[in-house]
C-alpha atoms as a PDB file:
ATOM      1  CA  MET A   1      64.845   2.483  43.159  1.00  0.00           C
ATOM      2  CA  GLY A   2      66.065   0.141  40.545  1.00  0.00           C
ATOM      3  CA  MET A   3      65.318   0.485  36.839  1.00  0.00           C
ATOM      4  CA  GLY A   4      62.843  -2.296  36.822  1.00  0.00           C
ATOM      5  CA  ALA A   5      60.711  -0.680  39.586  1.00  0.00           C
ATOM      6  CA  ALA A   6      60.923   2.710  37.956  1.00  0.00           C
ATOM      7  CA  ALA A   7      59.695   1.280  34.692  1.00  0.00           C
ATOM      8  CA  CYS A   8      56.854  -0.437  36.529  1.00  0.00           C
ATOM      9  CA  LEU A   9      55.870   2.854  38.192  1.00  0.00           C
ATOM     10  CA  VAL A  10      56.025   4.738  34.827  1.00  0.00           C
ATOM     11  CA  LEU A  11      53.774   1.958  33.219  1.00  0.00           C
ATOM     12  CA  SER A  12      51.383   1.989  36.132  1.00  0.00           C
ATOM     13  CA  CYS A  13      51.087   5.893  35.838  1.00  0.00           C
ATOM     14  CA  LEU A  14      50.448   5.666  32.169  1.00  0.00           C
ATOM     15  CA  CYS A  15      47.722   3.028  32.557  1.00  0.00           C
ATOM     16  CA  VAL A  16      45.948   5.180  35.137  1.00  0.00           C
ATOM     17  CA  SER A  17      46.403   8.231  32.926  1.00  0.00           C
ATOM     18  CA  CYS A  18      44.855   6.228  29.875  1.00  0.00           C
ATOM     19  CA  GLY A  19      41.861   5.359  32.113  1.00  0.00           C
ATOM     20  CA  ASP A  20      42.745   1.665  32.418  1.00  0.00           C
ATOM     21  CA  PRO A  21      39.438  -0.107  33.208  1.00  0.00           C
ATOM     22  CA  VAL A  22      41.113  -2.417  35.566  1.00  0.00           C
ATOM     23  CA  GLU A  23      41.509   0.366  38.152  1.00  0.00           C
ATOM     24  CA  THR A  24      37.732   1.527  37.854  1.00  0.00           C
ATOM     25  CA  SER A  25      34.994   0.465  40.381  1.00  0.00           C
ATOM     26  CA  PHE A  26      32.330   0.448  37.782  1.00  0.00           C
ATOM     27  CA  ASN A  27      30.545  -2.778  38.320  1.00  0.00           C
ATOM     28  CA  PRO A  28      26.884  -2.771  37.104  1.00  0.00           C
ATOM     29  CA  ALA A  29      24.481  -5.266  38.491  1.00  0.00           C
ATOM     30  CA  TYR A  30      23.675  -7.092  35.284  1.00  0.00           C
ATOM     31  CA  PHE A  31      20.553  -9.364  35.122  1.00  0.00           C
ATOM     32  CA  ASP A  32      18.560 -11.311  32.534  1.00  0.00           C
ATOM     33  CA  LEU A  33      14.722 -11.224  32.157  1.00  0.00           C
ATOM     34  CA  PRO A  34      13.256 -13.911  34.171  1.00  0.00           C
ATOM     35  CA  GLU A  35      12.259 -17.080  32.194  1.00  0.00           C
ATOM     36  CA  THR A  36       8.502 -17.111  32.004  1.00  0.00           C
ATOM     37  CA  ALA A  37       6.614 -20.344  31.066  1.00  0.00           C
ATOM     38  CA  PHE A  38       5.306 -20.368  27.450  1.00  0.00           C
ATOM     39  CA  PHE A  39       7.127 -16.953  26.630  1.00  0.00           C
ATOM     40  CA  PRO A  40       9.719 -16.841  23.964  1.00  0.00           C
ATOM     41  CA  THR A  41      13.306 -17.290  25.029  1.00  0.00           C
ATOM     42  CA  GLU A  42      14.662 -15.103  22.349  1.00  0.00           C
ATOM     43  CA  THR A  43      14.861 -11.314  23.181  1.00  0.00           C
ATOM     44  CA  ASN A  44      16.158  -8.259  21.093  1.00  0.00           C
ATOM     45  CA  ILE A  45      18.540  -7.275  24.003  1.00  0.00           C
ATOM     46  CA  PRO A  46      21.802  -6.290  22.179  1.00  0.00           C
ATOM     47  CA  ALA A  47      25.214  -7.389  23.572  1.00  0.00           C
ATOM     48  CA  ASP A  48      26.209  -3.738  24.125  1.00  0.00           C
ATOM     49  CA  ASN A  49      23.141  -2.755  26.155  1.00  0.00           C
ATOM     50  CA  ARG A  50      22.590  -5.739  28.673  1.00  0.00           C
ATOM     51  CA  LEU A  51      20.090  -5.074  31.315  1.00  0.00           C
ATOM     52  CA  CYS A  52      21.576  -3.835  34.628  1.00  0.00           C
ATOM     53  CA  ALA A  53      19.878  -2.496  37.705  1.00  0.00           C
ATOM     54  CA  GLU A  54      21.509   0.983  37.366  1.00  0.00           C
ATOM     55  CA  GLY A  55      20.575   1.335  33.701  1.00  0.00           C
ATOM     56  CA  VAL A  56      16.969   0.359  34.366  1.00  0.00           C
ATOM     57  CA  GLU A  57      16.752   2.831  37.235  1.00  0.00           C
ATOM     58  CA  LEU A  58      18.265   5.644  35.025  1.00  0.00           C
ATOM     59  CA  GLY A  59      15.806   4.847  32.291  1.00  0.00           C
ATOM     60  CA  ARG A  60      12.988   4.758  34.563  1.00  0.00           C
ATOM     61  CA  TYR A  61      13.717   8.264  35.833  1.00  0.00           C
ATOM     62  CA  LEU A  62      14.265   9.610  32.243  1.00  0.00           C
ATOM     63  CA  PHE A  63      10.937   7.985  31.215  1.00  0.00           C
ATOM     64  CA  TYR A  64       8.939  10.037  33.787  1.00  0.00           C
ATOM     65  CA  ASP A  65      10.789  13.287  33.819  1.00  0.00           C
ATOM     66  CA  ASN A  66       9.023  15.992  32.003  1.00  0.00           C
ATOM     67  CA  ARG A  67      11.857  18.497  32.632  1.00  0.00           C
ATOM     68  CA  ILE A  68      14.003  17.010  29.870  1.00  0.00           C
ATOM     69  CA  ALA A  69      11.842  18.510  27.251  1.00  0.00           C
ATOM     70  CA  ALA A  70      10.485  21.708  28.968  1.00  0.00           C
ATOM     71  CA  THR A  71      10.495  24.871  26.701  1.00  0.00           C
ATOM     72  CA  SER A  72       9.524  28.462  27.266  1.00  0.00           C
ATOM     73  CA  ASP A  73       6.330  27.974  25.476  1.00  0.00           C
ATOM     74  CA  HIS A  74       5.693  24.618  27.592  1.00  0.00           C
ATOM     75  CA  PRO A  75       7.432  25.095  30.845  1.00  0.00           C
ATOM     76  CA  GLU A  76       5.565  22.052  32.190  1.00  0.00           C
ATOM     77  CA  GLY A  77       7.626  19.916  29.706  1.00  0.00           C
ATOM     78  CA  VAL A  78       6.718  16.563  28.352  1.00  0.00           C
ATOM     79  CA  SER A  79       7.943  12.954  29.063  1.00  0.00           C
ATOM     80  CA  CYS A  80       7.537   9.623  27.684  1.00  0.00           C
ATOM     81  CA  SER A  81       4.954   8.774  30.322  1.00  0.00           C
ATOM     82  CA  GLU A  82       2.679  11.502  28.868  1.00  0.00           C
ATOM     83  CA  CYS A  83       1.900   9.276  25.961  1.00  0.00           C
ATOM     84  CA  HIS A  84       2.545   6.038  27.648  1.00  0.00           C
ATOM     85  CA  ARG A  85       0.664   5.711  30.998  1.00  0.00           C
ATOM     86  CA  GLN A  86       1.068   2.600  33.158  1.00  0.00           C
ATOM     87  CA  ALA A  87      -2.638   2.520  34.053  1.00  0.00           C
ATOM     88  CA  ALA A  88      -3.314   2.232  30.371  1.00  0.00           C
ATOM     89  CA  ALA A  89      -0.740  -0.615  29.785  1.00  0.00           C
ATOM     90  CA  PHE A  90       1.695   2.042  28.778  1.00  0.00           C
ATOM     91  CA  ASP A  91      -0.673   3.268  26.046  1.00  0.00           C
ATOM     92  CA  CYS A  92      -1.946   6.795  26.111  1.00  0.00           C
ATOM     93  CA  GLY A  93      -5.383   6.174  27.713  1.00  0.00           C
ATOM     94  CA  ALA A  94      -8.919   7.144  26.499  1.00  0.00           C
ATOM     95  CA  ASP A  95      -8.850  10.463  28.411  1.00  0.00           C
ATOM     96  CA  ASN A  96      -5.443  11.365  27.161  1.00  0.00           C
ATOM     97  CA  LEU A  97      -5.455  10.812  23.344  1.00  0.00           C
ATOM     98  CA  ARG A  98      -2.078  11.725  21.727  1.00  0.00           C
ATOM     99  CA  PHE A  99      -1.717  11.420  17.941  1.00  0.00           C
ATOM    100  CA  VAL A 100       1.464  11.454  16.199  1.00  0.00           C
ATOM    101  CA  ARG A 101       1.673  11.381  12.469  1.00  0.00           C
ATOM    102  CA  GLY A 102      -2.014  10.255  12.443  1.00  0.00           C
ATOM    103  CA  GLY A 103      -1.687   7.275  14.780  1.00  0.00           C
ATOM    104  CA  LEU A 104      -2.070   6.645  18.560  1.00  0.00           C
ATOM    105  CA  PRO A 105       0.994   5.412  20.603  1.00  0.00           C
ATOM    106  CA  LEU A 106       1.339   1.544  20.788  1.00  0.00           C
ATOM    107  CA  PRO A 107       1.368   0.158  24.283  1.00  0.00           C
ATOM    108  CA  LEU A 108       4.830  -0.537  25.654  1.00  0.00           C
ATOM    109  CA  GLN A 109       4.482  -4.113  26.905  1.00  0.00           C
ATOM    110  CA  ASN A 110       6.760  -7.263  26.094  1.00  0.00           C
ATOM    111  CA  LEU A 111       8.709  -5.247  23.740  1.00  0.00           C
ATOM    112  CA  ALA A 112      11.909  -7.095  24.636  1.00  0.00           C
ATOM    113  CA  TYR A 113      10.430 -10.068  22.804  1.00  0.00           C
ATOM    114  CA  ASN A 114       9.325  -8.255  19.642  1.00  0.00           C
ATOM    115  CA  THR A 115      12.098  -9.211  16.932  1.00  0.00           C
ATOM    116  CA  ARG A 116      10.346  -7.250  14.174  1.00  0.00           C
ATOM    117  CA  ALA A 117      10.152  -3.537  13.446  1.00  0.00           C
ATOM    118  CA  LEU A 118       8.414  -1.157  15.778  1.00  0.00           C
ATOM    119  CA  GLY A 119       5.605   1.263  15.415  1.00  0.00           C
ATOM    120  CA  TRP A 120       2.322   1.142  13.436  1.00  0.00           C
ATOM    121  CA  SER A 121       4.111   1.063  10.087  1.00  0.00           C
ATOM    122  CA  GLY A 122       7.608   0.034  11.046  1.00  0.00           C
ATOM    123  CA  THR A 123      10.474   1.389   8.870  1.00  0.00           C
ATOM    124  CA  ALA A 124       8.144   3.474   6.815  1.00  0.00           C
ATOM    125  CA  VAL A 125       7.999   5.978   9.663  1.00  0.00           C
ATOM    126  CA  TYR A 126      11.367   5.399  11.450  1.00  0.00           C
ATOM    127  CA  PRO A 127      14.254   3.413   9.752  1.00  0.00           C
ATOM    128  CA  ALA A 128      14.871   1.715  12.990  1.00  0.00           C
ATOM    129  CA  THR A 129      16.071  -1.863  13.562  1.00  0.00           C
ATOM    130  CA  THR A 130      16.494  -1.855  17.243  1.00  0.00           C
ATOM    131  CA  LEU A 131      14.597  -0.347  20.312  1.00  0.00           C
ATOM    132  CA  GLU A 132      17.505   1.809  20.912  1.00  0.00           C
ATOM    133  CA  ASP A 133      17.360   3.324  17.331  1.00  0.00           C
ATOM    134  CA  PHE A 134      13.611   3.766  17.590  1.00  0.00           C
ATOM    135  CA  ILE A 135      14.045   5.529  20.898  1.00  0.00           C
ATOM    136  CA  ARG A 136      16.917   7.799  19.486  1.00  0.00           C
ATOM    137  CA  LEU A 137      14.704   8.720  16.546  1.00  0.00           C
ATOM    138  CA  THR A 138      11.663   9.358  18.638  1.00  0.00           C
ATOM    139  CA  LEU A 139      13.738  11.835  20.784  1.00  0.00           C
ATOM    140  CA  ALA A 140      14.814  13.532  17.649  1.00  0.00           C
ATOM    141  CA  ASP A 141      11.388  13.830  16.223  1.00  0.00           C
ATOM    142  CA  SER A 142       9.798  17.232  16.596  1.00  0.00           C
ATOM    143  CA  ALA A 143       6.291  15.702  16.446  1.00  0.00           C
ATOM    144  CA  GLU A 144       7.155  13.854  19.620  1.00  0.00           C
ATOM    145  CA  PHE A 145       9.476  16.329  21.458  1.00  0.00           C
ATOM    146  CA  ALA A 146       9.519  19.991  20.776  1.00  0.00           C
ATOM    147  CA  LEU A 147      13.221  20.341  21.346  1.00  0.00           C
ATOM    148  CA  PRO A 148      16.332  19.205  19.260  1.00  0.00           C
ATOM    149  CA  THR A 149      18.222  16.348  20.928  1.00  0.00           C
ATOM    150  CA  ASP A 150      21.268  18.545  21.919  1.00  0.00           C
ATOM    151  CA  SER A 151      18.893  20.630  23.930  1.00  0.00           C
ATOM    152  CA  ILE A 152      17.245  17.583  25.492  1.00  0.00           C
ATOM    153  CA  ILE A 153      20.637  16.247  26.532  1.00  0.00           C
ATOM    154  CA  ALA A 154      21.652  19.788  27.884  1.00  0.00           C
ATOM    155  CA  HIS A 155      18.467  19.729  29.968  1.00  0.00           C
ATOM    156  CA  ILE A 156      19.319  16.308  31.439  1.00  0.00           C
ATOM    157  CA  ALA A 157      22.894  17.349  32.181  1.00  0.00           C
ATOM    158  CA  ALA A 158      21.583  20.411  34.143  1.00  0.00           C
ATOM    159  CA  ILE A 159      19.541  18.298  36.478  1.00  0.00           C
ATOM    160  CA  PRO A 160      21.639  17.440  39.501  1.00  0.00           C
ATOM    161  CA  LEU A 161      20.146  13.957  39.759  1.00  0.00           C
ATOM    162  CA  TYR A 162      21.543  12.582  36.494  1.00  0.00           C
ATOM    163  CA  PRO A 163      25.381  12.714  36.364  1.00  0.00           C
ATOM    164  CA  LYS A 164      25.705  10.178  39.185  1.00  0.00           C
ATOM    165  CA  LEU A 165      22.907   7.977  37.670  1.00  0.00           C
ATOM    166  CA  TYR A 166      24.730   7.913  34.363  1.00  0.00           C
ATOM    167  CA  GLU A 167      27.979   7.153  36.097  1.00  0.00           C
ATOM    168  CA  ALA A 168      26.356   4.272  37.947  1.00  0.00           C
ATOM    169  CA  ALA A 169      24.779   2.900  34.705  1.00  0.00           C
ATOM    170  CA  PHE A 170      27.686   3.432  32.217  1.00  0.00           C
ATOM    171  CA  GLY A 171      30.711   4.143  34.189  1.00  0.00           C
ATOM    172  CA  THR A 172      30.945   7.838  33.403  1.00  0.00           C
ATOM    173  CA  GLN A 173      29.052  11.069  34.049  1.00  0.00           C
ATOM    174  CA  ASP A 174      29.201  12.024  30.393  1.00  0.00           C
ATOM    175  CA  ILE A 175      25.431  12.343  29.220  1.00  0.00           C
ATOM    176  CA  THR A 176      24.989  11.546  25.566  1.00  0.00           C
ATOM    177  CA  LEU A 177      22.073  10.723  23.308  1.00  0.00           C
ATOM    178  CA  ASP A 178      23.256   7.138  22.876  1.00  0.00           C
ATOM    179  CA  ARG A 179      23.416   6.454  26.481  1.00  0.00           C
ATOM    180  CA  THR A 180      20.080   8.052  27.116  1.00  0.00           C
ATOM    181  CA  ALA A 181      18.549   5.956  24.376  1.00  0.00           C
ATOM    182  CA  LYS A 182      20.134   2.890  25.902  1.00  0.00           C
ATOM    183  CA  ALA A 183      18.853   3.592  29.464  1.00  0.00           C
ATOM    184  CA  LEU A 184      15.325   4.162  28.161  1.00  0.00           C
ATOM    185  CA  ALA A 185      15.535   0.857  26.155  1.00  0.00           C
ATOM    186  CA  GLN A 186      16.552  -0.927  29.305  1.00  0.00           C
ATOM    187  CA  PHE A 187      13.720   0.231  31.307  1.00  0.00           C
ATOM    188  CA  VAL A 188      11.118  -0.352  28.538  1.00  0.00           C
ATOM    189  CA  ARG A 189      12.434  -3.943  28.023  1.00  0.00           C
ATOM    190  CA  THR A 190      11.537  -4.696  31.759  1.00  0.00           C
ATOM    191  CA  LEU A 191       7.881  -3.735  31.019  1.00  0.00           C
ATOM    192  CA  THR A 192       6.835  -7.301  30.886  1.00  0.00           C
ATOM    193  CA  SER A 193       3.238  -8.403  31.304  1.00  0.00           C
ATOM    194  CA  THR A 194       3.029 -12.061  32.253  1.00  0.00           C
ATOM    195  CA  HIS A 195       0.509 -12.529  34.879  1.00  0.00           C
ATOM    196  CA  SER A 196      -2.960 -12.190  33.290  1.00  0.00           C
ATOM    197  CA  LYS A 197      -5.648 -14.829  34.064  1.00  0.00           C
ATOM    198  CA  PHE A 198      -4.773 -16.393  30.729  1.00  0.00           C
ATOM    199  CA  ASP A 199      -1.159 -16.733  31.957  1.00  0.00           C
ATOM    200  CA  ARG A 200      -2.263 -18.292  35.185  1.00  0.00           C
ATOM    201  CA  TYR A 201      -4.548 -20.757  33.120  1.00  0.00           C
ATOM    202  CA  MET A 202      -1.584 -21.775  30.843  1.00  0.00           C
ATOM    203  CA  ARG A 203       0.563 -22.417  34.062  1.00  0.00           C
ATOM    204  CA  GLY A 204      -2.243 -24.520  35.551  1.00  0.00           C
ATOM    205  CA  GLU A 205      -2.874 -22.049  38.343  1.00  0.00           C
ATOM    206  CA  GLU A 206      -6.406 -21.082  37.454  1.00  0.00           C
ATOM    207  CA  ARG A 207      -9.436 -22.196  35.361  1.00  0.00           C
ATOM    208  CA  LEU A 208     -11.112 -20.262  32.792  1.00  0.00           C
ATOM    209  CA  SER A 209     -14.890 -20.106  33.140  1.00  0.00           C
ATOM    210  CA  ASP A 210     -17.148 -21.963  30.519  1.00  0.00           C
ATOM    211  CA  GLU A 211     -17.794 -18.564  28.761  1.00  0.00           C
ATOM    212  CA  GLU A 212     -14.208 -17.655  28.701  1.00  0.00           C
ATOM    213  CA  MET A 213     -13.233 -21.043  27.426  1.00  0.00           C
ATOM    214  CA  GLN A 214     -15.762 -20.907  24.684  1.00  0.00           C
ATOM    215  CA  GLY A 215     -14.427 -17.484  23.733  1.00  0.00           C
ATOM    216  CA  TYR A 216     -10.822 -19.124  23.544  1.00  0.00           C
ATOM    217  CA  VAL A 217     -12.052 -21.708  21.302  1.00  0.00           C
ATOM    218  CA  LEU A 218     -13.625 -19.132  18.996  1.00  0.00           C
ATOM    219  CA  PHE A 219     -10.384 -17.111  19.129  1.00  0.00           C
ATOM    220  CA  THR A 220      -8.246 -19.984  18.081  1.00  0.00           C
ATOM    221  CA  THR A 221     -10.384 -21.622  15.285  1.00  0.00           C
ATOM    222  CA  GLU A 222     -10.859 -20.653  11.615  1.00  0.00           C
ATOM    223  CA  GLU A 223     -14.515 -21.697  11.791  1.00  0.00           C
ATOM    224  CA  GLY A 224     -14.938 -19.319  14.816  1.00  0.00           C
ATOM    225  CA  ALA A 225     -13.682 -15.880  15.284  1.00  0.00           C
ATOM    226  CA  ASP A 226     -10.351 -16.721  13.428  1.00  0.00           C
ATOM    227  CA  CYS A 227      -8.143 -14.358  15.465  1.00  0.00           C
ATOM    228  CA  PHE A 228      -5.287 -16.612  16.075  1.00  0.00           C
ATOM    229  CA  HIS A 229      -3.466 -16.278  12.733  1.00  0.00           C
ATOM    230  CA  CYS A 230      -2.484 -12.632  13.455  1.00  0.00           C
ATOM    231  CA  HIS A 231      -2.880 -12.557  17.323  1.00  0.00           C
ATOM    232  CA  GLY A 232      -1.661 -15.909  18.544  1.00  0.00           C
ATOM    233  CA  GLY A 233      -2.748 -18.046  21.427  1.00  0.00           C
ATOM    234  CA  ALA A 234      -1.154 -20.838  23.356  1.00  0.00           C
ATOM    235  CA  GLY A 235       1.585 -21.155  20.802  1.00  0.00           C
ATOM    236  CA  ASN A 236       2.113 -17.190  20.758  1.00  0.00           C
ATOM    237  CA  VAL A 237       1.303 -15.709  24.116  1.00  0.00           C
ATOM    238  CA  LEU A 238       2.477 -12.272  23.016  1.00  0.00           C
ATOM    239  CA  PHE A 239      -0.844 -12.174  21.247  1.00  0.00           C
ATOM    240  CA  SER A 240       0.592 -10.642  18.182  1.00  0.00           C
ATOM    241  CA  THR A 241       2.935 -11.613  15.276  1.00  0.00           C
ATOM    242  CA  TYR A 242       3.963  -7.907  15.187  1.00  0.00           C
ATOM    243  CA  MET A 243       3.603  -8.192  11.295  1.00  0.00           C
ATOM    244  CA  LEU A 244       2.174  -5.587   9.048  1.00  0.00           C
ATOM    245  CA  ALA A 245      -1.191  -6.468   7.515  1.00  0.00           C
ATOM    246  CA  VAL A 246      -4.215  -4.998   5.638  1.00  0.00           C
ATOM    247  CA  ASN A 247      -7.083  -5.981   7.994  1.00  0.00           C
ATOM    248  CA  GLY A 248     -10.155  -4.768   6.039  1.00  0.00           C
ATOM    249  CA  LEU A 249     -10.764  -2.016   8.390  1.00  0.00           C
ATOM    250  CA  ASP A 250     -11.890   0.267   5.581  1.00  0.00           C
ATOM    251  CA  GLU A 251     -11.352   0.805   1.859  1.00  0.00           C
ATOM    252  CA  SER A 252      -7.823   2.367   2.247  1.00  0.00           C
ATOM    253  CA  ASP A 253      -5.924  -0.867   1.767  1.00  0.00           C
ATOM    254  CA  VAL A 254      -3.093   0.385   4.087  1.00  0.00           C
ATOM    255  CA  PRO A 255      -1.223  -2.058   6.259  1.00  0.00           C
ATOM    256  CA  TYR A 256      -0.642  -1.439   9.796  1.00  0.00           C
ATOM    257  CA  ARG A 257       1.348  -3.245  12.615  1.00  0.00           C
ATOM    258  CA  ILE A 258      -0.646  -5.913  14.270  1.00  0.00           C
ATOM    259  CA  PRO A 259      -0.809  -4.828  17.891  1.00  0.00           C
ATOM    260  CA  SER A 260      -0.823  -7.185  20.858  1.00  0.00           C
ATOM    261  CA  LEU A 261      -4.098  -7.887  22.524  1.00  0.00           C
ATOM    262  CA  ARG A 262      -2.714  -8.157  25.951  1.00  0.00           C
ATOM    263  CA  ASN A 263      -4.358  -5.825  28.409  1.00  0.00           C
ATOM    264  CA  ILE A 264      -6.784  -4.849  25.640  1.00  0.00           C
ATOM    265  CA  ALA A 265      -9.300  -3.851  28.328  1.00  0.00           C
ATOM    266  CA  HIS A 266      -6.986  -1.022  29.302  1.00  0.00           C
ATOM    267  CA  THR A 267      -5.923   0.274  25.900  1.00  0.00           C
ATOM    268  CA  ALA A 268      -9.130   1.821  24.506  1.00  0.00           C
ATOM    269  CA  PRO A 269      -9.779   3.324  22.039  1.00  0.00           C
ATOM    270  CA  TYR A 270      -8.765   0.797  19.374  1.00  0.00           C
ATOM    271  CA  MET A 271      -7.146   0.570  15.968  1.00  0.00           C
ATOM    272  CA  HIS A 272      -4.203   2.893  14.919  1.00  0.00           C
ATOM    273  CA  ASP A 273      -6.559   6.001  14.747  1.00  0.00           C
ATOM    274  CA  GLY A 274      -8.728   5.176  17.833  1.00  0.00           C
ATOM    275  CA  ARG A 275     -11.886   4.958  15.734  1.00  0.00           C
ATOM    276  CA  PHE A 276     -13.451   2.286  18.062  1.00  0.00           C
ATOM    277  CA  ALA A 277     -14.220   3.200  21.705  1.00  0.00           C
ATOM    278  CA  THR A 278     -15.204  -0.154  22.904  1.00  0.00           C
ATOM    279  CA  LEU A 279     -14.336  -3.793  22.359  1.00  0.00           C
ATOM    280  CA  GLU A 280     -17.974  -4.494  21.229  1.00  0.00           C
ATOM    281  CA  GLU A 281     -17.337  -2.158  18.299  1.00  0.00           C
ATOM    282  CA  VAL A 282     -14.168  -3.932  17.402  1.00  0.00           C
ATOM    283  CA  ILE A 283     -15.818  -7.436  17.462  1.00  0.00           C
ATOM    284  CA  ASP A 284     -18.782  -6.124  15.485  1.00  0.00           C
ATOM    285  CA  ARG A 285     -16.439  -4.768  12.800  1.00  0.00           C
ATOM    286  CA  TYR A 286     -14.605  -8.076  12.322  1.00  0.00           C
ATOM    287  CA  SER A 287     -17.764 -10.011  12.598  1.00  0.00           C
ATOM    288  CA  GLU A 288     -19.904  -8.317   9.920  1.00  0.00           C
ATOM    289  CA  HIS A 289     -18.017  -5.289   8.414  1.00  0.00           C
ATOM    290  CA  VAL A 290     -14.807  -6.315   6.921  1.00  0.00           C
ATOM    291  CA  TYR A 291     -13.871  -4.715   3.559  1.00  0.00           C
ATOM    292  CA  ALA A 292     -12.403  -7.311   1.130  1.00  0.00           C
ATOM    293  CA  THR A 293      -9.862  -4.930  -0.324  1.00  0.00           C
ATOM    294  CA  PRO A 294      -7.485  -5.960  -3.092  1.00  0.00           C
ATOM    295  CA  HIS A 295      -4.434  -6.316  -0.768  1.00  0.00           C
ATOM    296  CA  ILE A 296      -6.303  -7.646   2.326  1.00  0.00           C
ATOM    297  CA  SER A 297      -4.275 -10.039   4.374  1.00  0.00           C
ATOM    298  CA  PRO A 298      -4.605 -13.700   3.209  1.00  0.00           C
ATOM    299  CA  LEU A 299      -5.104 -14.591   6.844  1.00  0.00           C
ATOM    300  CA  MET A 300      -8.452 -12.771   6.829  1.00  0.00           C
ATOM    301  CA  HIS A 301     -10.151 -15.944   5.683  1.00  0.00           C
ATOM    302  CA  HIS A 302     -13.743 -14.681   6.027  1.00  0.00           C
ATOM    303  CA  ALA A 303     -13.239 -11.347   4.227  1.00  0.00           C
ATOM    304  CA  ASP A 304     -15.406 -12.257   1.193  1.00  0.00           C
ATOM    305  CA  GLU A 305     -18.280 -12.884   3.555  1.00  0.00           C
ATOM    306  CA  GLY A 306     -17.747  -9.511   5.290  1.00  0.00           C
ATOM    307  CA  GLY A 307     -16.480 -10.986   8.425  1.00  0.00           C
ATOM    308  CA  VAL A 308     -16.712 -14.175  10.586  1.00  0.00           C
ATOM    309  CA  GLN A 309     -20.378 -13.723  11.221  1.00  0.00           C
ATOM    310  CA  LEU A 310     -20.556 -14.338  15.042  1.00  0.00           C
ATOM    311  CA  THR A 311     -23.863 -14.680  16.844  1.00  0.00           C
ATOM    312  CA  PRO A 312     -24.607 -12.393  19.829  1.00  0.00           C
ATOM    313  CA  ARG A 313     -23.660 -15.274  22.220  1.00  0.00           C
ATOM    314  CA  GLU A 314     -20.391 -15.813  20.423  1.00  0.00           C
ATOM    315  CA  LYS A 315     -19.524 -12.235  20.639  1.00  0.00           C
ATOM    316  CA  GLN A 316     -20.110 -12.228  24.349  1.00  0.00           C
ATOM    317  CA  CYS A 317     -17.841 -15.237  24.823  1.00  0.00           C
ATOM    318  CA  LEU A 318     -15.181 -13.773  22.711  1.00  0.00           C
ATOM    319  CA  LYS A 319     -15.192 -10.580  24.732  1.00  0.00           C
ATOM    320  CA  ALA A 320     -15.014 -12.611  28.014  1.00  0.00           C
ATOM    321  CA  PHE A 321     -11.961 -14.435  26.793  1.00  0.00           C
ATOM    322  CA  LEU A 322     -10.159 -11.021  25.680  1.00  0.00           C
ATOM    323  CA  LEU A 323     -10.769  -9.844  29.113  1.00  0.00           C
ATOM    324  CA  THR A 324      -8.688 -12.674  30.520  1.00  0.00           C
ATOM    325  CA  LEU A 325      -5.715 -10.999  28.954  1.00  0.00           C
ATOM    326  CA  SER A 326      -5.692  -8.261  31.407  1.00  0.00           C
ATOM    327  CA  ASP A 327      -2.734  -8.084  33.895  1.00  0.00           C
ATOM    328  CA  GLU A 328      -3.580  -6.043  36.960  1.00  0.00           C
ATOM    329  CA  ASP A 329      -0.102  -6.640  38.310  1.00  0.00           C
ATOM    330  CA  PHE A 330       1.388  -5.042  35.146  1.00  0.00           C
ATOM    331  CA  ILE A 331      -0.564  -1.868  35.511  1.00  0.00           C
ATOM    332  CA  THR A 332      -0.048  -1.336  39.242  1.00  0.00           C
ATOM    333  CA  ASN A 333       3.639  -2.797  39.547  1.00  0.00           C
ATOM    334  CA  PRO A 334       5.558  -0.256  41.530  1.00  0.00           C
ATOM    335  CA  ARG A 335       8.798  -1.285  39.825  1.00  0.00           C
ATOM    336  CA  PHE A 336       7.345   0.475  36.609  1.00  0.00           C
ATOM    337  CA  SER A 337       5.770   3.442  38.322  1.00  0.00           C
ATOM    338  CA  ASN A 338       6.734   7.126  38.438  1.00  0.00           C
ATOM    339  CA  PRO A 339       9.888   7.260  40.859  1.00  0.00           C
ATOM    340  CA  PHE A 340       9.175  10.946  41.437  1.00  0.00           C
ATOM    341  CA  THR A 341       5.980  10.123  43.206  1.00  0.00           C
ATOM    342  CA  LYS A 342       7.160   7.286  45.472  1.00  0.00           C
END
């Protein structure tokens, strides 16, 4: 063997021993969220955590696996899906109320398009600027999971299912908090609700009834129900600005995140503390019982009159419109369901 060939062989061995990525078979199936008419084109997907089929699959298993946080006191464990049920648009559900730091979970829907802070009070609770950060801090929060994160990671590593899933998603069987948060973030970002009756109306596929259309007019006009400033409409089909606002709910003058109204028929009870059991109660409050507190949002244009003062017929129409935001495909989509029960 000549010197040139020997040098090449040595260099090749060095490259292999250093883990040269050229020699690996790691080739994840990357994909982008499908473009949906009237939806934002901007997402919060970071360059170092692109969506891939393998990462989403791993995140889906982690989302539903209660074994990752089982303890001797609670051998049944807990999972993300305990507080975020698909049938409740990934909210907790009226029969399964879960309070953390005085608030209910927010529904996990269309979060890939939320470019603002997360949670009811944003960075006041978690200093998170990305979905990955928010998930990482949630896993570390004893109010959410009763185990420290190193124990959660050890539990995951001890389950035979996971090393191969991590390898497929990240090219290594090493299970870390960072990769766990990234996989969960990938799955959560795929939870998109885009096929409600309102969406089909916007795409010209279906008509709204006269009552629903009257409700939509009320929703999107200041002289009507005046909902659109905070919750959007045709120009903001996420149905939230995701901003913090004081909404005149009571005299506390505390700002909370403006939630999306999508799938509102499935996310009762309402408000951060679940004080209203029905949509009728919510509509009545904004109609006649708004508190004009010192720091109330300037978008609450009718606060000084106690609310928008809707007639019974207008309330009926407004509710009819809100129900068009329900997406039955979303709450039954098998791609979002529990993989352990398929």
